[in-house]
C-alpha atoms as a PDB file:
ATOM      1  CA  UNK A   1     -42.498 -18.731   3.999  1.00  0.00           C
ATOM      2  CA  UNK A   2     -41.221 -16.069   1.623  1.00  0.00           C
ATOM      3  CA  UNK A   3     -37.752 -14.646   1.787  1.00  0.00           C
ATOM      4  CA  UNK A   4     -36.690 -11.039   1.302  1.00  0.00           C
ATOM      5  CA  UNK A   5     -35.225 -10.207  -2.103  1.00  0.00           C
ATOM      6  CA  UNK A   6     -31.516  -9.416  -2.367  1.00  0.00           C
ATOM      7  CA  UNK A   7     -31.006  -5.652  -2.127  1.00  0.00           C
ATOM      8  CA  UNK A   8     -29.919  -3.596  -5.127  1.00  0.00           C
ATOM      9  CA  UNK A   9     -26.773  -2.584  -3.232  1.00  0.00           C
ATOM     10  CA  UNK A  10     -25.804  -6.220  -2.605  1.00  0.00           C
ATOM     11  CA  UNK A  11     -26.555  -7.106  -6.237  1.00  0.00           C
ATOM     12  CA  UNK A  12     -24.334  -4.279  -7.440  1.00  0.00           C
ATOM     13  CA  UNK A  13     -21.491  -5.280  -5.090  1.00  0.00           C
ATOM     14  CA  UNK A  14     -21.635  -8.877  -6.355  1.00  0.00           C
ATOM     15  CA  UNK A  15     -21.755  -7.710  -9.992  1.00  0.00           C
ATOM     16  CA  UNK A  16     -18.782  -5.415  -9.306  1.00  0.00           C
ATOM     17  CA  UNK A  17     -16.824  -8.160  -7.534  1.00  0.00           C
ATOM     18  CA  UNK A  18     -17.432 -10.503 -10.489  1.00  0.00           C
ATOM     19  CA  UNK A  19     -16.486  -7.908 -13.097  1.00  0.00           C
ATOM     20  CA  UNK A  20     -20.053  -7.609 -14.459  1.00  0.00           C
ATOM     21  CA  UNK A  21     -19.671 -10.971 -16.219  1.00  0.00           C
ATOM     22  CA  UNK A  22     -21.544 -14.237 -15.959  1.00  0.00           C
ATOM     23  CA  UNK A  23     -19.355 -16.573 -13.926  1.00  0.00           C
ATOM     24  CA  UNK A  24     -20.556 -19.575 -15.955  1.00  0.00           C
ATOM     25  CA  UNK A  25     -20.272 -18.417 -19.580  1.00  0.00           C
ATOM     26  CA  UNK A  26     -18.391 -15.093 -19.297  1.00  0.00           C
ATOM     27  CA  UNK A  27     -20.930 -13.033 -21.232  1.00  0.00           C
ATOM     28  CA  UNK A  28     -21.528  -9.414 -20.272  1.00  0.00           C
ATOM     29  CA  UNK A  29     -24.227  -6.764 -20.734  1.00  0.00           C
ATOM     30  CA  UNK A  30     -25.693  -5.559 -23.017  1.00  0.00           C
ATOM     31  CA  UNK A  31     -25.517  -9.007 -24.635  1.00  0.00           C
ATOM     32  CA  UNK A  32     -27.194 -10.572 -21.590  1.00  0.00           C
ATOM     33  CA  UNK A  33     -29.212  -9.642 -18.525  1.00  0.00           C
ATOM     34  CA  UNK A  34     -27.301 -10.342 -15.321  1.00  0.00           C
ATOM     35  CA  UNK A  35     -28.810 -11.883 -12.202  1.00  0.00           C
ATOM     36  CA  UNK A  36     -27.575 -13.027  -8.826  1.00  0.00           C
ATOM     37  CA  UNK A  37     -27.285 -16.797  -8.362  1.00  0.00           C
ATOM     38  CA  UNK A  38     -26.909 -18.769  -5.158  1.00  0.00           C
ATOM     39  CA  UNK A  39     -24.025 -21.261  -5.154  1.00  0.00           C
ATOM     40  CA  UNK A  40     -25.897 -23.332  -2.569  1.00  0.00           C
ATOM     41  CA  UNK A  41     -29.516 -23.002  -3.710  1.00  0.00           C
ATOM     42  CA  UNK A  42     -32.090 -21.385  -1.465  1.00  0.00           C
ATOM     43  CA  UNK A  43     -34.098 -24.621  -1.646  1.00  0.00           C
ATOM     44  CA  UNK A  44     -31.172 -26.305   0.138  1.00  0.00           C
ATOM     45  CA  UNK A  45     -30.929 -23.575   2.778  1.00  0.00           C
ATOM     46  CA  UNK A  46     -28.397 -21.466   0.880  1.00  0.00           C
ATOM     47  CA  UNK A  47     -28.190 -17.997   2.365  1.00  0.00           C
ATOM     48  CA  UNK A  48     -27.775 -14.525   0.908  1.00  0.00           C
ATOM     49  CA  UNK A  49     -24.194 -14.040   2.159  1.00  0.00           C
ATOM     50  CA  UNK A  50     -21.784 -12.625  -0.439  1.00  0.00           C
ATOM     51  CA  UNK A  51     -19.748 -15.858  -0.306  1.00  0.00           C
ATOM     52  CA  UNK A  52     -22.829 -17.779  -1.506  1.00  0.00           C
ATOM     53  CA  UNK A  53     -23.688 -15.377  -4.331  1.00  0.00           C
ATOM     54  CA  UNK A  54     -22.295 -14.955  -7.806  1.00  0.00           C
ATOM     55  CA  UNK A  55     -23.143 -13.217 -11.043  1.00  0.00           C
ATOM     56  CA  UNK A  56     -24.957 -15.279 -13.667  1.00  0.00           C
ATOM     57  CA  UNK A  57     -26.691 -14.379 -16.901  1.00  0.00           C
ATOM     58  CA  UNK A  58     -30.410 -15.059 -17.209  1.00  0.00           C
ATOM     59  CA  UNK A  59     -29.874 -18.154 -19.409  1.00  0.00           C
ATOM     60  CA  UNK A  60     -27.241 -19.787 -17.171  1.00  0.00           C
ATOM     61  CA  UNK A  61     -29.112 -19.035 -13.951  1.00  0.00           C
ATOM     62  CA  UNK A  62     -32.421 -20.386 -15.259  1.00  0.00           C
ATOM     63  CA  UNK A  63     -30.676 -23.430 -16.724  1.00  0.00           C
ATOM     64  CA  UNK A  64     -29.073 -24.221 -13.391  1.00  0.00           C
ATOM     65  CA  UNK A  65     -32.259 -23.604 -11.425  1.00  0.00           C
ATOM     66  CA  UNK A  66     -32.092 -25.333  -8.002  1.00  0.00           C
ATOM     67  CA  UNK A  67     -29.195 -27.620  -8.911  1.00  0.00           C
ATOM     68  CA  UNK A  68     -26.479 -27.208  -6.271  1.00  0.00           C
ATOM     69  CA  UNK A  69     -22.923 -26.452  -7.218  1.00  0.00           C
ATOM     70  CA  UNK A  70     -20.580 -28.783  -5.426  1.00  0.00           C
ATOM     71  CA  UNK A  71     -17.635 -26.548  -6.296  1.00  0.00           C
ATOM     72  CA  UNK A  72     -17.377 -22.855  -6.896  1.00  0.00           C
ATOM     73  CA  UNK A  73     -17.070 -22.271 -10.654  1.00  0.00           C
ATOM     74  CA  UNK A  74     -13.452 -22.456 -11.668  1.00  0.00           C
ATOM     75  CA  UNK A  75     -13.438 -18.940 -13.094  1.00  0.00           C
ATOM     76  CA  UNK A  76     -14.676 -17.505  -9.792  1.00  0.00           C
ATOM     77  CA  UNK A  77     -12.148 -19.524  -7.819  1.00  0.00           C
ATOM     78  CA  UNK A  78      -9.337 -18.345 -10.091  1.00  0.00           C
ATOM     79  CA  UNK A  79     -10.515 -14.732  -9.839  1.00  0.00           C
ATOM     80  CA  UNK A  80     -10.662 -14.978  -6.049  1.00  0.00           C
ATOM     81  CA  UNK A  81      -7.106 -16.352  -5.990  1.00  0.00           C
ATOM     82  CA  UNK A  82      -5.937 -13.569  -8.304  1.00  0.00           C
ATOM     83  CA  UNK A  83      -7.585 -10.907  -6.162  1.00  0.00           C
ATOM     84  CA  UNK A  84      -6.013 -12.400  -3.044  1.00  0.00           C
ATOM     85  CA  UNK A  85      -2.598 -12.438  -4.755  1.00  0.00           C
ATOM     86  CA  UNK A  86      -3.002  -8.778  -5.721  1.00  0.00           C
ATOM     87  CA  UNK A  87      -4.019  -7.876  -2.170  1.00  0.00           C
ATOM     88  CA  UNK A  88      -0.999  -9.762  -0.806  1.00  0.00           C
ATOM     89  CA  UNK A  89       1.300  -7.956  -3.245  1.00  0.00           C
ATOM     90  CA  UNK A  90      -0.177  -4.559  -2.337  1.00  0.00           C
ATOM     91  CA  UNK A  91       0.249  -5.306   1.374  1.00  0.00           C
ATOM     92  CA  UNK A  92       3.853  -6.426   0.820  1.00  0.00           C
ATOM     93  CA  UNK A  93       4.594  -3.339  -1.293  1.00  0.00           C
ATOM     94  CA  UNK A  94       3.111  -1.052   1.353  1.00  0.00           C
ATOM     95  CA  UNK A  95       5.167  -2.775   4.042  1.00  0.00           C
ATOM     96  CA  UNK A  96       8.358  -2.306   2.011  1.00  0.00           C
ATOM     97  CA  UNK A  97       7.551   1.345   1.300  1.00  0.00           C
ATOM     98  CA  UNK A  98       6.679   2.004   4.947  1.00  0.00           C
ATOM     99  CA  UNK A  99       9.937   0.356   5.975  1.00  0.00           C
ATOM    100  CA  UNK A 100      11.811   2.611   3.561  1.00  0.00           C
ATOM    101  CA  UNK A 101      10.056   5.718   4.911  1.00  0.00           C
ATOM    102  CA  UNK A 102      10.767   4.635   8.488  1.00  0.00           C
ATOM    103  CA  UNK A 103      14.448   4.070   7.651  1.00  0.00           C
ATOM    104  CA  UNK A 104      14.736   7.489   5.977  1.00  0.00           C
ATOM    105  CA  UNK A 105      13.086   9.132   8.996  1.00  0.00           C
ATOM    106  CA  UNK A 106      15.298   7.225  11.463  1.00  0.00           C
ATOM    107  CA  UNK A 107      18.454   8.111   9.504  1.00  0.00           C
ATOM    108  CA  UNK A 108      17.449  11.780   9.383  1.00  0.00           C
ATOM    109  CA  UNK A 109      17.006  11.911  13.171  1.00  0.00           C
ATOM    110  CA  UNK A 110      20.251   9.995  13.712  1.00  0.00           C
ATOM    111  CA  UNK A 111      22.145  12.707  11.804  1.00  0.00           C
ATOM    112  CA  UNK A 112      20.227  15.476  13.585  1.00  0.00           C
ATOM    113  CA  UNK A 113      21.261  13.950  16.915  1.00  0.00           C
ATOM    114  CA  UNK A 114      24.881  13.685  15.744  1.00  0.00           C
ATOM    115  CA  UNK A 115      24.802  17.392  14.820  1.00  0.00           C
ATOM    116  CA  UNK A 116      22.791  18.808  17.729  1.00  0.00           C
ATOM    117  CA  UNK A 117      22.574  16.083  20.389  1.00  0.00           C
ATOM    118  CA  UNK A 118      24.796  17.863  22.878  1.00  0.00           C
ATOM    119  CA  UNK A 119      22.617  20.977  22.897  1.00  0.00           C
ATOM    120  CA  UNK A 120      19.992  21.522  25.569  1.00  0.00           C
ATOM    121  CA  UNK A 121      16.559  20.836  24.063  1.00  0.00           C
ATOM    122  CA  UNK A 122      15.254  24.259  25.079  1.00  0.00           C
ATOM    123  CA  UNK A 123      18.210  25.985  23.373  1.00  0.00           C
ATOM    124  CA  UNK A 124      17.935  24.412  19.932  1.00  0.00           C
ATOM    125  CA  UNK A 125      15.100  23.500  17.658  1.00  0.00           C
ATOM    126  CA  UNK A 126      15.906  21.562  14.545  1.00  0.00           C
ATOM    127  CA  UNK A 127      14.398  23.578  11.772  1.00  0.00           C
ATOM    128  CA  UNK A 128      12.188  21.815   9.249  1.00  0.00           C
ATOM    129  CA  UNK A 129      14.312  22.987   6.299  1.00  0.00           C
ATOM    130  CA  UNK A 130      17.405  21.604   8.054  1.00  0.00           C
ATOM    131  CA  UNK A 131      15.716  18.228   8.475  1.00  0.00           C
ATOM    132  CA  UNK A 132      14.780  18.277   4.784  1.00  0.00           C
ATOM    133  CA  UNK A 133      18.417  19.005   3.869  1.00  0.00           C
ATOM    134  CA  UNK A 134      19.622  16.153   6.078  1.00  0.00           C
ATOM    135  CA  UNK A 135      17.109  13.858   4.382  1.00  0.00           C
ATOM    136  CA  UNK A 136      18.435  14.882   0.940  1.00  0.00           C
ATOM    137  CA  UNK A 137      22.046  14.289   1.973  1.00  0.00           C
ATOM    138  CA  UNK A 138      21.064  10.844   3.271  1.00  0.00           C
ATOM    139  CA  UNK A 139      19.632  10.072  -0.159  1.00  0.00           C
ATOM    140  CA  UNK A 140      22.710  11.285  -2.037  1.00  0.00           C
ATOM    141  CA  UNK A 141      25.442   9.863   0.212  1.00  0.00           C
ATOM    142  CA  UNK A 142      26.045   6.657   2.163  1.00  0.00           C
ATOM    143  CA  UNK A 143      24.933   7.020   5.781  1.00  0.00           C
ATOM    144  CA  UNK A 144      28.456   6.614   7.173  1.00  0.00           C
ATOM    145  CA  UNK A 145      29.668   9.577   5.088  1.00  0.00           C
ATOM    146  CA  UNK A 146      26.808  11.785   6.341  1.00  0.00           C
ATOM    147  CA  UNK A 147      27.608  10.771   9.926  1.00  0.00           C
ATOM    148  CA  UNK A 148      31.266  11.623   9.283  1.00  0.00           C
ATOM    149  CA  UNK A 149      30.206  15.046   7.914  1.00  0.00           C
ATOM    150  CA  UNK A 150      28.163  15.624  11.094  1.00  0.00           C
ATOM    151  CA  UNK A 151      31.178  14.743  13.274  1.00  0.00           C
ATOM    152  CA  UNK A 152      33.451  17.063  11.267  1.00  0.00           C
ATOM    153  CA  UNK A 153      30.946  19.928  11.534  1.00  0.00           C
ATOM    154  CA  UNK A 154      30.432  19.350  15.250  1.00  0.00           C
ATOM    155  CA  UNK A 155      34.184  19.405  15.882  1.00  0.00           C
ATOM    156  CA  UNK A 156      34.732  22.494  13.696  1.00  0.00           C
ATOM    157  CA  UNK A 157      31.803  24.575  15.004  1.00  0.00           C
ATOM    158  CA  UNK A 158      31.094  23.419  18.571  1.00  0.00           C
ATOM    159  CA  UNK A 159      29.476  26.676  19.757  1.00  0.00           C
ATOM    160  CA  UNK A 160      27.305  27.825  16.859  1.00  0.00           C
ATOM    161  CA  UNK A 161      24.308  25.687  15.940  1.00  0.00           C
ATOM    162  CA  UNK A 162      23.583  27.507  12.672  1.00  0.00           C
ATOM    163  CA  UNK A 163      27.296  27.674  11.823  1.00  0.00           C
ATOM    164  CA  UNK A 164      27.604  23.958  12.531  1.00  0.00           C
ATOM    165  CA  UNK A 165      24.694  23.178  10.193  1.00  0.00           C
ATOM    166  CA  UNK A 166      26.104  25.350   7.390  1.00  0.00           C
ATOM    167  CA  UNK A 167      29.515  23.699   7.811  1.00  0.00           C
ATOM    168  CA  UNK A 168      27.823  20.266   7.732  1.00  0.00           C
ATOM    169  CA  UNK A 169      26.094  21.192   4.444  1.00  0.00           C
ATOM    170  CA  UNK A 170      29.406  22.331   2.949  1.00  0.00           C
ATOM    171  CA  UNK A 171      31.113  19.054   3.927  1.00  0.00           C
ATOM    172  CA  UNK A 172      28.235  17.049   2.433  1.00  0.00           C
ATOM    173  CA  UNK A 173      28.247  19.018  -0.838  1.00  0.00           C
ATOM    174  CA  UNK A 174      32.010  18.522  -1.120  1.00  0.00           C
ATOM    175  CA  UNK A 175      31.525  14.768  -0.646  1.00  0.00           C
ATOM    176  CA  UNK A 176      28.810  14.754  -3.322  1.00  0.00           C
ATOM    177  CA  UNK A 177      31.086  16.652  -5.739  1.00  0.00           C
ATOM    178  CA  UNK A 178      33.981  14.289  -4.988  1.00  0.00           C
ATOM    179  CA  UNK A 179      31.731  11.281  -5.677  1.00  0.00           C
ATOM    180  CA  UNK A 180      30.530  12.804  -8.971  1.00  0.00           C
ATOM    181  CA  UNK A 181      34.089  13.471 -10.139  1.00  0.00           C
ATOM    182  CA  UNK A 182      35.198   9.850  -9.674  1.00  0.00           C
END
């Protein structure tokens, strides 16, 4: 019974995964011709799954022949661990960055509510440029100081939404100047 050859696409994916290097001796093209090797040989019912395939040069693959590997070559195992570590670090970094973005967004809406929360929703729309300004103030000042600026503006300009926002910006800029002068 003959088996189907490994597709060119699968070969390329395995070569790419293994860095286009023989996993036994480390040599690369054009010095050598690369092939796909089965970790568990086909003669011992090894399949064509990616986990059972690795990149080998012609010499290493022919020298191994149908001899089974009881362990994955150390270099492949180390590379797999390194790739997994990188993936874990990327996932952790993305989680931290998403948390930061979520916090910035939550803080921005907290201040917007402090400034405009008493208004009827149909009477006020928080303008995009206002939200961007609030976001900038949250980056330049501690959150409690921005909340305080919102309370001051709300108390000083209770009837004018745009006047309240301009007053809020003035209070925030004064706080930023005061911080810079210290």
